[in-house]
């Protein structure tokens, strides 16, 4: 059994190493063929960029609050500032390696608070039920708006959002028992159900998490709104809300650092339904990456240094 798991892990690693360069090459080819779109960068508004950076900080602060609440279920000694530092360190390291942030977070929680990262993951997995279902509903409502207002639709995206929402409704209503298996997908599903069974015991907290998820969606939407308007695109909040909802689809196929190439591919696929040219969507996404990386580098580096020093001090005692 362990040998089979090892083989599966090796196969996934090899698959990632093969697919990731291919995705980067395809994205590079697409950008090169549409390089004239970079002329739009002349329209960038510095004020908008500063606002986007501010939203990026606020977004990380919201995520840090969510993590802090979940960690409190296991250990009250982790302060909000530590959770804040962990979030920015996580943001920075994930841009370098898909699992870089998780490894550092696990090391910090174990070394400084003797907290099992596996237990933390199991409890926080329940949040996916709330965040994914909320974002799926937002995505479906936006698709309905596009259809009613412009007769535009995307059947594949509609089916994907419906599948996610229905699957999560089954978890929310029935919380089914999953038999033991070596399947990685089933094991992840078991963790999500386990986490949900923990979270649902506090209805006020469930409502609070839903509100935070919606707030996060609007923060991301306003970031996109400012970046695309700076590039000269005529966009509205509904379009941007739909783009933010695509994050749950991206999470299922995220196998590159920070999902680079994967997110852009999803944007290209959805360009018709949001009535925004694909090259503009890609350029806006790349600009968001540059801005996000700058904020992560600035705050993440400082956060990483602070937490690394705390880890070293803990190792000394």
C-alpha atoms as a PDB file:
ATOM      1  CA  UNK A   1       0.000   0.000   0.000  1.00  0.00           C
ATOM      2  CA  UNK A   2       2.809   2.396   0.917  1.00  0.00           C
ATOM      3  CA  UNK A   3       4.642   1.407  -2.262  1.00  0.00           C
ATOM      4  CA  UNK A   4       1.569   2.239  -4.346  1.00  0.00           C
ATOM      5  CA  UNK A   5       1.245   5.634  -2.632  1.00  0.00           C
ATOM      6  CA  UNK A   6       4.928   6.311  -3.285  1.00  0.00           C
ATOM      7  CA  UNK A   7       4.499   5.430  -6.961  1.00  0.00           C
ATOM      8  CA  UNK A   8       1.478   7.730  -7.222  1.00  0.00           C
ATOM      9  CA  UNK A   9       3.412  10.586  -5.588  1.00  0.00           C
ATOM     10  CA  UNK A  10       6.344  10.085  -7.969  1.00  0.00           C
ATOM     11  CA  UNK A  11       3.991   9.977 -10.963  1.00  0.00           C
ATOM     12  CA  UNK A  12       2.276  13.215  -9.874  1.00  0.00           C
ATOM     13  CA  UNK A  13       5.645  14.917  -9.388  1.00  0.00           C
ATOM     14  CA  UNK A  14       6.863  13.820 -12.816  1.00  0.00           C
ATOM     15  CA  UNK A  15       3.573  14.898 -14.380  1.00  0.00           C
ATOM     16  CA  UNK A  16       3.892  18.349 -12.815  1.00  0.00           C
ATOM     17  CA  UNK A  17       7.492  18.667 -13.991  1.00  0.00           C
ATOM     18  CA  UNK A  18       6.428  17.804 -17.533  1.00  0.00           C
ATOM     19  CA  UNK A  19       3.235  19.872 -17.708  1.00  0.00           C
ATOM     20  CA  UNK A  20       4.546  23.024 -16.001  1.00  0.00           C
ATOM     21  CA  UNK A  21       7.159  23.872 -18.689  1.00  0.00           C
ATOM     22  CA  UNK A  22       4.562  23.156 -21.394  1.00  0.00           C
ATOM     23  CA  UNK A  23       2.129  25.605 -19.790  1.00  0.00           C
ATOM     24  CA  UNK A  24       4.838  28.270 -19.522  1.00  0.00           C
ATOM     25  CA  UNK A  25       5.798  27.769 -23.179  1.00  0.00           C
ATOM     26  CA  UNK A  26       2.184  27.986 -24.371  1.00  0.00           C
ATOM     27  CA  UNK A  27       1.614  31.138 -22.319  1.00  0.00           C
ATOM     28  CA  UNK A  28       4.830  32.628 -23.705  1.00  0.00           C
ATOM     29  CA  UNK A  29       3.782  31.856 -27.290  1.00  0.00           C
ATOM     30  CA  UNK A  30       0.353  33.400 -26.706  1.00  0.00           C
ATOM     31  CA  UNK A  31       1.879  36.563 -25.228  1.00  0.00           C
ATOM     32  CA  UNK A  32       4.370  36.847 -28.093  1.00  0.00           C
ATOM     33  CA  UNK A  33       1.644  36.504 -30.722  1.00  0.00           C
ATOM     34  CA  UNK A  34      -0.392  39.206 -28.989  1.00  0.00           C
ATOM     35  CA  UNK A  35       2.537  41.407 -27.935  1.00  0.00           C
ATOM     36  CA  UNK A  36       0.913  44.541 -29.372  1.00  0.00           C
ATOM     37  CA  UNK A  37      -1.437  44.509 -26.378  1.00  0.00           C
ATOM     38  CA  UNK A  38       1.484  45.678 -24.214  1.00  0.00           C
ATOM     39  CA  UNK A  39       0.987  49.115 -25.768  1.00  0.00           C
ATOM     40  CA  UNK A  40      -1.985  49.361 -23.399  1.00  0.00           C
ATOM     41  CA  UNK A  41       0.483  49.625 -20.500  1.00  0.00           C
ATOM     42  CA  UNK A  42       0.939  53.282 -21.451  1.00  0.00           C
ATOM     43  CA  UNK A  43      -2.575  53.882 -20.122  1.00  0.00           C
ATOM     44  CA  UNK A  44      -1.802  52.541 -16.643  1.00  0.00           C
ATOM     45  CA  UNK A  45      -2.855  54.850 -13.851  1.00  0.00           C
ATOM     46  CA  UNK A  46      -0.372  54.991 -10.955  1.00  0.00           C
ATOM     47  CA  UNK A  47      -3.184  55.888  -8.570  1.00  0.00           C
ATOM     48  CA  UNK A  48      -5.043  52.732  -9.553  1.00  0.00           C
ATOM     49  CA  UNK A  49      -1.927  50.633  -8.994  1.00  0.00           C
ATOM     50  CA  UNK A  50      -1.545  52.032  -5.459  1.00  0.00           C
ATOM     51  CA  UNK A  51      -5.222  51.234  -4.746  1.00  0.00           C
ATOM     52  CA  UNK A  52      -4.739  47.681  -6.057  1.00  0.00           C
ATOM     53  CA  UNK A  53      -1.715  47.247  -3.769  1.00  0.00           C
ATOM     54  CA  UNK A  54      -3.785  48.472  -0.832  1.00  0.00           C
ATOM     55  CA  UNK A  55      -6.539  45.970  -1.681  1.00  0.00           C
ATOM     56  CA  UNK A  56      -3.895  43.214  -1.856  1.00  0.00           C
ATOM     57  CA  UNK A  57      -2.827  44.006   1.708  1.00  0.00           C
ATOM     58  CA  UNK A  58      -6.452  44.096   2.927  1.00  0.00           C
ATOM     59  CA  UNK A  59      -7.147  40.765   1.214  1.00  0.00           C
ATOM     60  CA  UNK A  60      -4.217  39.116   2.982  1.00  0.00           C
ATOM     61  CA  UNK A  61      -5.423  40.622   6.263  1.00  0.00           C
ATOM     62  CA  UNK A  62      -8.847  38.997   5.735  1.00  0.00           C
ATOM     63  CA  UNK A  63      -7.263  35.625   4.958  1.00  0.00           C
ATOM     64  CA  UNK A  64      -5.074  36.001   8.048  1.00  0.00           C
ATOM     65  CA  UNK A  65      -8.194  36.593  10.173  1.00  0.00           C
ATOM     66  CA  UNK A  66      -9.807  33.431   8.789  1.00  0.00           C
ATOM     67  CA  UNK A  67      -6.668  31.403   9.525  1.00  0.00           C
ATOM     68  CA  UNK A  68      -6.401  32.906  13.001  1.00  0.00           C
ATOM     69  CA  UNK A  69      -9.972  31.855  13.842  1.00  0.00           C
ATOM     70  CA  UNK A  70      -9.314  28.322  12.638  1.00  0.00           C
ATOM     71  CA  UNK A  71      -5.985  28.048  14.468  1.00  0.00           C
ATOM     72  CA  UNK A  72      -7.708  29.227  17.655  1.00  0.00           C
ATOM     73  CA  UNK A  73      -9.717  26.013  17.602  1.00  0.00           C
ATOM     74  CA  UNK A  74      -6.456  24.145  18.158  1.00  0.00           C
ATOM     75  CA  UNK A  75      -4.195  26.662  19.910  1.00  0.00           C
ATOM     76  CA  UNK A  76      -5.014  30.085  21.343  1.00  0.00           C
ATOM     77  CA  UNK A  77      -1.368  31.122  21.621  1.00  0.00           C
ATOM     78  CA  UNK A  78      -1.000  32.079  17.938  1.00  0.00           C
ATOM     79  CA  UNK A  79      -1.483  35.848  17.688  1.00  0.00           C
ATOM     80  CA  UNK A  80      -3.190  37.646  14.828  1.00  0.00           C
ATOM     81  CA  UNK A  81       0.113  39.251  13.829  1.00  0.00           C
ATOM     82  CA  UNK A  82       1.723  35.816  13.548  1.00  0.00           C
ATOM     83  CA  UNK A  83      -1.194  34.728  11.374  1.00  0.00           C
ATOM     84  CA  UNK A  84      -0.710  37.905   9.325  1.00  0.00           C
ATOM     85  CA  UNK A  85       3.016  37.182   8.893  1.00  0.00           C
ATOM     86  CA  UNK A  86       2.219  33.571   7.982  1.00  0.00           C
ATOM     87  CA  UNK A  87      -0.214  34.687   5.301  1.00  0.00           C
ATOM     88  CA  UNK A  88       2.277  37.008   3.614  1.00  0.00           C
ATOM     89  CA  UNK A  89       5.050  34.408   3.897  1.00  0.00           C
ATOM     90  CA  UNK A  90       2.657  31.902   2.366  1.00  0.00           C
ATOM     91  CA  UNK A  91       1.830  34.319  -0.488  1.00  0.00           C
ATOM     92  CA  UNK A  92       5.504  34.852  -1.301  1.00  0.00           C
ATOM     93  CA  UNK A  93       6.625  31.225  -1.073  1.00  0.00           C
ATOM     94  CA  UNK A  94       3.668  29.968  -3.134  1.00  0.00           C
ATOM     95  CA  UNK A  95       4.794  32.211  -5.973  1.00  0.00           C
ATOM     96  CA  UNK A  96       8.096  30.341  -5.935  1.00  0.00           C
ATOM     97  CA  UNK A  97       6.819  26.805  -5.346  1.00  0.00           C
ATOM     98  CA  UNK A  98       3.224  25.435  -5.319  1.00  0.00           C
ATOM     99  CA  UNK A  99       3.717  23.955  -1.824  1.00  0.00           C
ATOM    100  CA  UNK A 100       6.358  26.347  -0.483  1.00  0.00           C
ATOM    101  CA  UNK A 101       3.942  28.269   1.721  1.00  0.00           C
ATOM    102  CA  UNK A 102       2.387  25.120   3.197  1.00  0.00           C
ATOM    103  CA  UNK A 103       5.794  23.669   4.119  1.00  0.00           C
ATOM    104  CA  UNK A 104       6.905  26.863   5.894  1.00  0.00           C
ATOM    105  CA  UNK A 105       3.555  27.256   7.672  1.00  0.00           C
ATOM    106  CA  UNK A 106       3.747  23.650   8.891  1.00  0.00           C
ATOM    107  CA  UNK A 107       7.296  24.137  10.158  1.00  0.00           C
ATOM    108  CA  UNK A 108       6.413  27.329  12.045  1.00  0.00           C
ATOM    109  CA  UNK A 109       3.257  25.951  13.687  1.00  0.00           C
ATOM    110  CA  UNK A 110       5.028  22.745  14.722  1.00  0.00           C
ATOM    111  CA  UNK A 111       8.236  24.380  15.960  1.00  0.00           C
ATOM    112  CA  UNK A 112       6.780  27.375  17.783  1.00  0.00           C
ATOM    113  CA  UNK A 113       3.403  26.060  18.928  1.00  0.00           C
ATOM    114  CA  UNK A 114       3.748  22.262  18.754  1.00  0.00           C
ATOM    115  CA  UNK A 115       0.698  22.363  16.487  1.00  0.00           C
ATOM    116  CA  UNK A 116       0.105  19.588  14.007  1.00  0.00           C
ATOM    117  CA  UNK A 117      -0.264  21.095  10.541  1.00  0.00           C
ATOM    118  CA  UNK A 118      -2.274  18.024   9.527  1.00  0.00           C
ATOM    119  CA  UNK A 119      -4.855  18.862  12.215  1.00  0.00           C
ATOM    120  CA  UNK A 120      -4.889  22.482  11.093  1.00  0.00           C
ATOM    121  CA  UNK A 121      -5.436  21.421   7.480  1.00  0.00           C
ATOM    122  CA  UNK A 122      -8.208  19.036   8.479  1.00  0.00           C
ATOM    123  CA  UNK A 123     -10.070  21.784  10.336  1.00  0.00           C
ATOM    124  CA  UNK A 124      -9.507  24.476   7.724  1.00  0.00           C
ATOM    125  CA  UNK A 125     -10.565  22.119   4.926  1.00  0.00           C
ATOM    126  CA  UNK A 126     -14.144  22.682   6.026  1.00  0.00           C
ATOM    127  CA  UNK A 127     -13.797  26.285   4.908  1.00  0.00           C
ATOM    128  CA  UNK A 128     -13.627  25.058   1.327  1.00  0.00           C
ATOM    129  CA  UNK A 129     -17.254  23.978   1.671  1.00  0.00           C
ATOM    130  CA  UNK A 130     -18.291  27.540   2.484  1.00  0.00           C
ATOM    131  CA  UNK A 131     -15.923  29.435   0.178  1.00  0.00           C
ATOM    132  CA  UNK A 132     -16.361  27.159  -2.850  1.00  0.00           C
ATOM    133  CA  UNK A 133     -20.148  26.985  -2.536  1.00  0.00           C
ATOM    134  CA  UNK A 134     -20.373  30.774  -2.088  1.00  0.00           C
ATOM    135  CA  UNK A 135     -18.150  31.426  -5.106  1.00  0.00           C
ATOM    136  CA  UNK A 136     -20.019  28.835  -7.192  1.00  0.00           C
ATOM    137  CA  UNK A 137     -23.297  30.627  -6.455  1.00  0.00           C
ATOM    138  CA  UNK A 138     -21.711  33.973  -7.374  1.00  0.00           C
ATOM    139  CA  UNK A 139     -20.421  32.454 -10.621  1.00  0.00           C
ATOM    140  CA  UNK A 140     -23.823  30.996 -11.517  1.00  0.00           C
ATOM    141  CA  UNK A 141     -25.639  34.261 -10.737  1.00  0.00           C
ATOM    142  CA  UNK A 142     -23.196  36.160 -12.962  1.00  0.00           C
ATOM    143  CA  UNK A 143     -23.678  33.626 -15.772  1.00  0.00           C
ATOM    144  CA  UNK A 144     -27.448  34.051 -15.421  1.00  0.00           C
ATOM    145  CA  UNK A 145     -27.021  37.821 -15.640  1.00  0.00           C
ATOM    146  CA  UNK A 146     -24.910  37.508 -18.798  1.00  0.00           C
ATOM    147  CA  UNK A 147     -27.522  35.256 -20.387  1.00  0.00           C
ATOM    148  CA  UNK A 148     -30.491  37.460 -19.514  1.00  0.00           C
ATOM    149  CA  UNK A 149     -28.801  40.745 -20.434  1.00  0.00           C
ATOM    150  CA  UNK A 150     -26.750  39.734 -23.484  1.00  0.00           C
ATOM    151  CA  UNK A 151     -27.814  36.196 -24.384  1.00  0.00           C
ATOM    152  CA  UNK A 152     -24.246  35.034 -23.678  1.00  0.00           C
ATOM    153  CA  UNK A 153     -23.476  31.763 -21.955  1.00  0.00           C
ATOM    154  CA  UNK A 154     -20.794  29.149 -21.517  1.00  0.00           C
ATOM    155  CA  UNK A 155     -22.223  25.671 -21.038  1.00  0.00           C
ATOM    156  CA  UNK A 156     -18.982  24.097 -19.806  1.00  0.00           C
ATOM    157  CA  UNK A 157     -18.408  26.746 -17.117  1.00  0.00           C
ATOM    158  CA  UNK A 158     -22.072  26.520 -16.113  1.00  0.00           C
ATOM    159  CA  UNK A 159     -21.817  22.743 -15.681  1.00  0.00           C
ATOM    160  CA  UNK A 160     -18.580  23.087 -13.707  1.00  0.00           C
ATOM    161  CA  UNK A 161     -20.094  25.610 -11.289  1.00  0.00           C
ATOM    162  CA  UNK A 162     -23.259  23.498 -10.950  1.00  0.00           C
ATOM    163  CA  UNK A 163     -21.236  20.352 -10.255  1.00  0.00           C
ATOM    164  CA  UNK A 164     -19.245  22.119  -7.537  1.00  0.00           C
ATOM    165  CA  UNK A 165     -22.342  23.629  -5.945  1.00  0.00           C
ATOM    166  CA  UNK A 166     -24.390  20.394  -6.012  1.00  0.00           C
ATOM    167  CA  UNK A 167     -21.482  18.349  -4.677  1.00  0.00           C
ATOM    168  CA  UNK A 168     -20.944  20.768  -1.804  1.00  0.00           C
ATOM    169  CA  UNK A 169     -24.682  20.923  -1.043  1.00  0.00           C
ATOM    170  CA  UNK A 170     -24.567  17.151  -0.563  1.00  0.00           C
ATOM    171  CA  UNK A 171     -21.710  17.654   1.909  1.00  0.00           C
ATOM    172  CA  UNK A 172     -23.558  20.471   3.705  1.00  0.00           C
ATOM    173  CA  UNK A 173     -26.887  18.629   3.979  1.00  0.00           C
ATOM    174  CA  UNK A 174     -25.868  14.973   4.308  1.00  0.00           C
ATOM    175  CA  UNK A 175     -22.205  15.020   5.429  1.00  0.00           C
ATOM    176  CA  UNK A 176     -21.822  11.489   4.011  1.00  0.00           C
ATOM    177  CA  UNK A 177     -19.438   8.959   5.518  1.00  0.00           C
ATOM    178  CA  UNK A 178     -16.621   8.061   3.123  1.00  0.00           C
ATOM    179  CA  UNK A 179     -15.009   4.612   3.340  1.00  0.00           C
ATOM    180  CA  UNK A 180     -11.250   4.247   3.769  1.00  0.00           C
ATOM    181  CA  UNK A 181      -9.316   4.190   0.510  1.00  0.00           C
ATOM    182  CA  UNK A 182      -5.893   4.970  -0.945  1.00  0.00           C
ATOM    183  CA  UNK A 183      -7.408   7.407  -3.433  1.00  0.00           C
ATOM    184  CA  UNK A 184      -5.924  10.881  -2.939  1.00  0.00           C
ATOM    185  CA  UNK A 185      -9.155  12.547  -4.096  1.00  0.00           C
ATOM    186  CA  UNK A 186     -11.245  10.558  -1.612  1.00  0.00           C
ATOM    187  CA  UNK A 187      -8.809  11.368   1.204  1.00  0.00           C
ATOM    188  CA  UNK A 188      -9.098  15.082   0.426  1.00  0.00           C
ATOM    189  CA  UNK A 189     -12.897  14.731   0.392  1.00  0.00           C
ATOM    190  CA  UNK A 190     -12.805  13.038   3.800  1.00  0.00           C
ATOM    191  CA  UNK A 191     -10.779  15.945   5.217  1.00  0.00           C
ATOM    192  CA  UNK A 192     -13.243  18.461   3.791  1.00  0.00           C
ATOM    193  CA  UNK A 193     -16.220  16.620   5.321  1.00  0.00           C
ATOM    194  CA  UNK A 194     -14.390  16.287   8.643  1.00  0.00           C
ATOM    195  CA  UNK A 195     -13.585  20.016   8.638  1.00  0.00           C
ATOM    196  CA  UNK A 196     -17.149  20.909   7.734  1.00  0.00           C
ATOM    197  CA  UNK A 197     -18.521  18.792  10.602  1.00  0.00           C
ATOM    198  CA  UNK A 198     -16.355  20.858  12.951  1.00  0.00           C
ATOM    199  CA  UNK A 199     -17.263  24.267  11.527  1.00  0.00           C
ATOM    200  CA  UNK A 200     -21.012  23.694  11.203  1.00  0.00           C
ATOM    201  CA  UNK A 201     -21.361  23.299  14.978  1.00  0.00           C
ATOM    202  CA  UNK A 202     -21.075  27.085  15.326  1.00  0.00           C
ATOM    203  CA  UNK A 203     -23.719  28.681  13.077  1.00  0.00           C
ATOM    204  CA  UNK A 204     -22.625  32.222  13.859  1.00  0.00           C
ATOM    205  CA  UNK A 205     -19.114  31.359  12.764  1.00  0.00           C
ATOM    206  CA  UNK A 206     -20.462  29.766   9.574  1.00  0.00           C
ATOM    207  CA  UNK A 207     -22.263  33.014   8.751  1.00  0.00           C
ATOM    208  CA  UNK A 208     -19.143  35.009   9.597  1.00  0.00           C
ATOM    209  CA  UNK A 209     -17.000  32.892   7.255  1.00  0.00           C
ATOM    210  CA  UNK A 210     -19.542  33.309   4.438  1.00  0.00           C
ATOM    211  CA  UNK A 211     -19.458  37.084   4.919  1.00  0.00           C
ATOM    212  CA  UNK A 212     -15.637  37.073   4.837  1.00  0.00           C
ATOM    213  CA  UNK A 213     -15.703  34.984   1.635  1.00  0.00           C
ATOM    214  CA  UNK A 214     -18.044  37.469  -0.039  1.00  0.00           C
ATOM    215  CA  UNK A 215     -15.914  40.390   1.161  1.00  0.00           C
ATOM    216  CA  UNK A 216     -12.838  38.682  -0.309  1.00  0.00           C
ATOM    217  CA  UNK A 217     -14.655  38.193  -3.630  1.00  0.00           C
ATOM    218  CA  UNK A 218     -15.524  41.897  -3.789  1.00  0.00           C
ATOM    219  CA  UNK A 219     -11.963  42.939  -2.887  1.00  0.00           C
ATOM    220  CA  UNK A 220     -10.594  40.797  -5.741  1.00  0.00           C
ATOM    221  CA  UNK A 221     -13.303  42.136  -8.048  1.00  0.00           C
ATOM    222  CA  UNK A 222     -12.413  45.753  -7.323  1.00  0.00           C
ATOM    223  CA  UNK A 223      -8.735  44.958  -7.872  1.00  0.00           C
ATOM    224  CA  UNK A 224      -9.634  43.581 -11.304  1.00  0.00           C
ATOM    225  CA  UNK A 225     -11.931  46.529 -11.969  1.00  0.00           C
ATOM    226  CA  UNK A 226      -9.145  49.034 -11.393  1.00  0.00           C
ATOM    227  CA  UNK A 227      -6.533  47.107 -13.382  1.00  0.00           C
ATOM    228  CA  UNK A 228      -8.726  46.568 -16.453  1.00  0.00           C
ATOM    229  CA  UNK A 229     -10.044  50.128 -16.454  1.00  0.00           C
ATOM    230  CA  UNK A 230      -6.437  51.325 -16.235  1.00  0.00           C
ATOM    231  CA  UNK A 231      -5.765  49.297 -19.390  1.00  0.00           C
ATOM    232  CA  UNK A 232      -8.631  51.093 -21.129  1.00  0.00           C
ATOM    233  CA  UNK A 233     -11.188  48.275 -20.973  1.00  0.00           C
ATOM    234  CA  UNK A 234     -14.835  49.138 -20.351  1.00  0.00           C
ATOM    235  CA  UNK A 235     -15.757  46.697 -17.608  1.00  0.00           C
ATOM    236  CA  UNK A 236     -18.288  46.520 -14.798  1.00  0.00           C
ATOM    237  CA  UNK A 237     -18.447  44.948 -11.353  1.00  0.00           C
ATOM    238  CA  UNK A 238     -20.551  41.943 -12.470  1.00  0.00           C
ATOM    239  CA  UNK A 239     -17.898  40.943 -15.006  1.00  0.00           C
ATOM    240  CA  UNK A 240     -15.205  41.259 -12.372  1.00  0.00           C
ATOM    241  CA  UNK A 241     -17.214  39.253  -9.829  1.00  0.00           C
ATOM    242  CA  UNK A 242     -17.460  36.467 -12.369  1.00  0.00           C
ATOM    243  CA  UNK A 243     -13.700  36.548 -12.961  1.00  0.00           C
ATOM    244  CA  UNK A 244     -13.114  36.302  -9.209  1.00  0.00           C
ATOM    245  CA  UNK A 245     -15.437  33.278  -9.014  1.00  0.00           C
ATOM    246  CA  UNK A 246     -13.227  31.437 -11.531  1.00  0.00           C
ATOM    247  CA  UNK A 247     -10.669  30.997  -8.739  1.00  0.00           C
ATOM    248  CA  UNK A 248     -12.497  27.881  -7.495  1.00  0.00           C
ATOM    249  CA  UNK A 249     -12.159  26.267 -10.935  1.00  0.00           C
ATOM    250  CA  UNK A 250      -8.488  27.236 -11.102  1.00  0.00           C
ATOM    251  CA  UNK A 251      -7.883  25.591  -7.722  1.00  0.00           C
ATOM    252  CA  UNK A 252      -8.798  22.184  -9.144  1.00  0.00           C
ATOM    253  CA  UNK A 253      -6.198  22.419 -11.900  1.00  0.00           C
ATOM    254  CA  UNK A 254      -3.507  24.372 -10.077  1.00  0.00           C
ATOM    255  CA  UNK A 255      -0.204  22.582 -10.715  1.00  0.00           C
ATOM    256  CA  UNK A 256       2.149  25.488 -11.471  1.00  0.00           C
ATOM    257  CA  UNK A 257       3.681  28.068  -9.071  1.00  0.00           C
ATOM    258  CA  UNK A 258       0.899  30.527  -8.197  1.00  0.00           C
ATOM    259  CA  UNK A 259      -1.214  28.896 -10.936  1.00  0.00           C
ATOM    260  CA  UNK A 260       0.607  30.853 -13.637  1.00  0.00           C
ATOM    261  CA  UNK A 261      -0.631  29.893 -17.082  1.00  0.00           C
ATOM    262  CA  UNK A 262      -3.579  27.976 -15.616  1.00  0.00           C
ATOM    263  CA  UNK A 263      -5.439  31.112 -14.551  1.00  0.00           C
ATOM    264  CA  UNK A 264      -4.671  32.805 -17.866  1.00  0.00           C
ATOM    265  CA  UNK A 265      -5.981  29.779 -19.758  1.00  0.00           C
ATOM    266  CA  UNK A 266      -9.243  29.914 -17.813  1.00  0.00           C
ATOM    267  CA  UNK A 267      -9.560  33.630 -18.562  1.00  0.00           C
ATOM    268  CA  UNK A 268      -9.054  33.035 -22.287  1.00  0.00           C
ATOM    269  CA  UNK A 269     -11.713  30.308 -22.201  1.00  0.00           C
ATOM    270  CA  UNK A 270     -14.204  32.661 -20.483  1.00  0.00           C
ATOM    271  CA  UNK A 271     -13.464  35.764 -22.595  1.00  0.00           C
ATOM    272  CA  UNK A 272     -16.560  35.391 -24.792  1.00  0.00           C
ATOM    273  CA  UNK A 273     -19.025  35.186 -21.939  1.00  0.00           C
ATOM    274  CA  UNK A 274     -17.624  38.291 -20.181  1.00  0.00           C
ATOM    275  CA  UNK A 275     -17.277  40.193 -23.484  1.00  0.00           C
ATOM    276  CA  UNK A 276     -13.657  41.171 -22.816  1.00  0.00           C
ATOM    277  CA  UNK A 277     -10.911  40.418 -25.387  1.00  0.00           C
ATOM    278  CA  UNK A 278      -8.755  37.459 -24.347  1.00  0.00           C
ATOM    279  CA  UNK A 279      -5.498  39.394 -24.790  1.00  0.00           C
ATOM    280  CA  UNK A 280      -6.746  42.144 -22.478  1.00  0.00           C
ATOM    281  CA  UNK A 281      -7.740  39.552 -19.858  1.00  0.00           C
ATOM    282  CA  UNK A 282      -4.298  37.950 -20.023  1.00  0.00           C
ATOM    283  CA  UNK A 283      -2.479  41.286 -19.802  1.00  0.00           C
ATOM    284  CA  UNK A 284      -4.591  42.319 -16.812  1.00  0.00           C
ATOM    285  CA  UNK A 285      -3.855  39.006 -15.114  1.00  0.00           C
ATOM    286  CA  UNK A 286      -0.124  39.411 -15.705  1.00  0.00           C
ATOM    287  CA  UNK A 287      -0.223  42.953 -14.326  1.00  0.00           C
ATOM    288  CA  UNK A 288      -2.028  41.661 -11.229  1.00  0.00           C
ATOM    289  CA  UNK A 289       0.723  39.077 -10.849  1.00  0.00           C
ATOM    290  CA  UNK A 290       3.419  41.756 -11.046  1.00  0.00           C
ATOM    291  CA  UNK A 291       1.647  43.955  -8.489  1.00  0.00           C
ATOM    292  CA  UNK A 292       0.863  40.966  -6.250  1.00  0.00           C
ATOM    293  CA  UNK A 293       4.446  39.737  -6.427  1.00  0.00           C
ATOM    294  CA  UNK A 294       5.771  43.195  -5.505  1.00  0.00           C
ATOM    295  CA  UNK A 295       3.472  43.374  -2.463  1.00  0.00           C
ATOM    296  CA  UNK A 296       4.323  39.774  -1.514  1.00  0.00           C
ATOM    297  CA  UNK A 297       8.038  40.436  -1.932  1.00  0.00           C
ATOM    298  CA  UNK A 298       7.854  43.567   0.187  1.00  0.00           C
ATOM    299  CA  UNK A 299       5.676  42.251   3.015  1.00  0.00           C
ATOM    300  CA  UNK A 300       6.389  38.547   2.568  1.00  0.00           C
ATOM    301  CA  UNK A 301      10.150  38.957   2.880  1.00  0.00           C
ATOM    302  CA  UNK A 302       9.813  40.907   6.116  1.00  0.00           C
ATOM    303  CA  UNK A 303       7.239  38.411   7.438  1.00  0.00           C
ATOM    304  CA  UNK A 304       9.449  35.460   6.493  1.00  0.00           C
ATOM    305  CA  UNK A 305      12.450  36.976   8.287  1.00  0.00           C
ATOM    306  CA  UNK A 306      10.414  37.705  11.430  1.00  0.00           C
ATOM    307  CA  UNK A 307       8.968  34.187  11.612  1.00  0.00           C
ATOM    308  CA  UNK A 308      12.293  32.536  10.724  1.00  0.00           C
ATOM    309  CA  UNK A 309      13.911  34.306  13.668  1.00  0.00           C
ATOM    310  CA  UNK A 310      11.129  33.047  15.932  1.00  0.00           C
ATOM    311  CA  UNK A 311      11.723  29.512  14.662  1.00  0.00           C
ATOM    312  CA  UNK A 312      15.454  29.805  15.390  1.00  0.00           C
ATOM    313  CA  UNK A 313      14.772  31.092  18.909  1.00  0.00           C
ATOM    314  CA  UNK A 314      12.440  28.169  19.550  1.00  0.00           C
ATOM    315  CA  UNK A 315      15.075  25.720  18.338  1.00  0.00           C
ATOM    316  CA  UNK A 316      17.536  27.168  20.865  1.00  0.00           C
ATOM    317  CA  UNK A 317      15.315  26.310  23.848  1.00  0.00           C
END
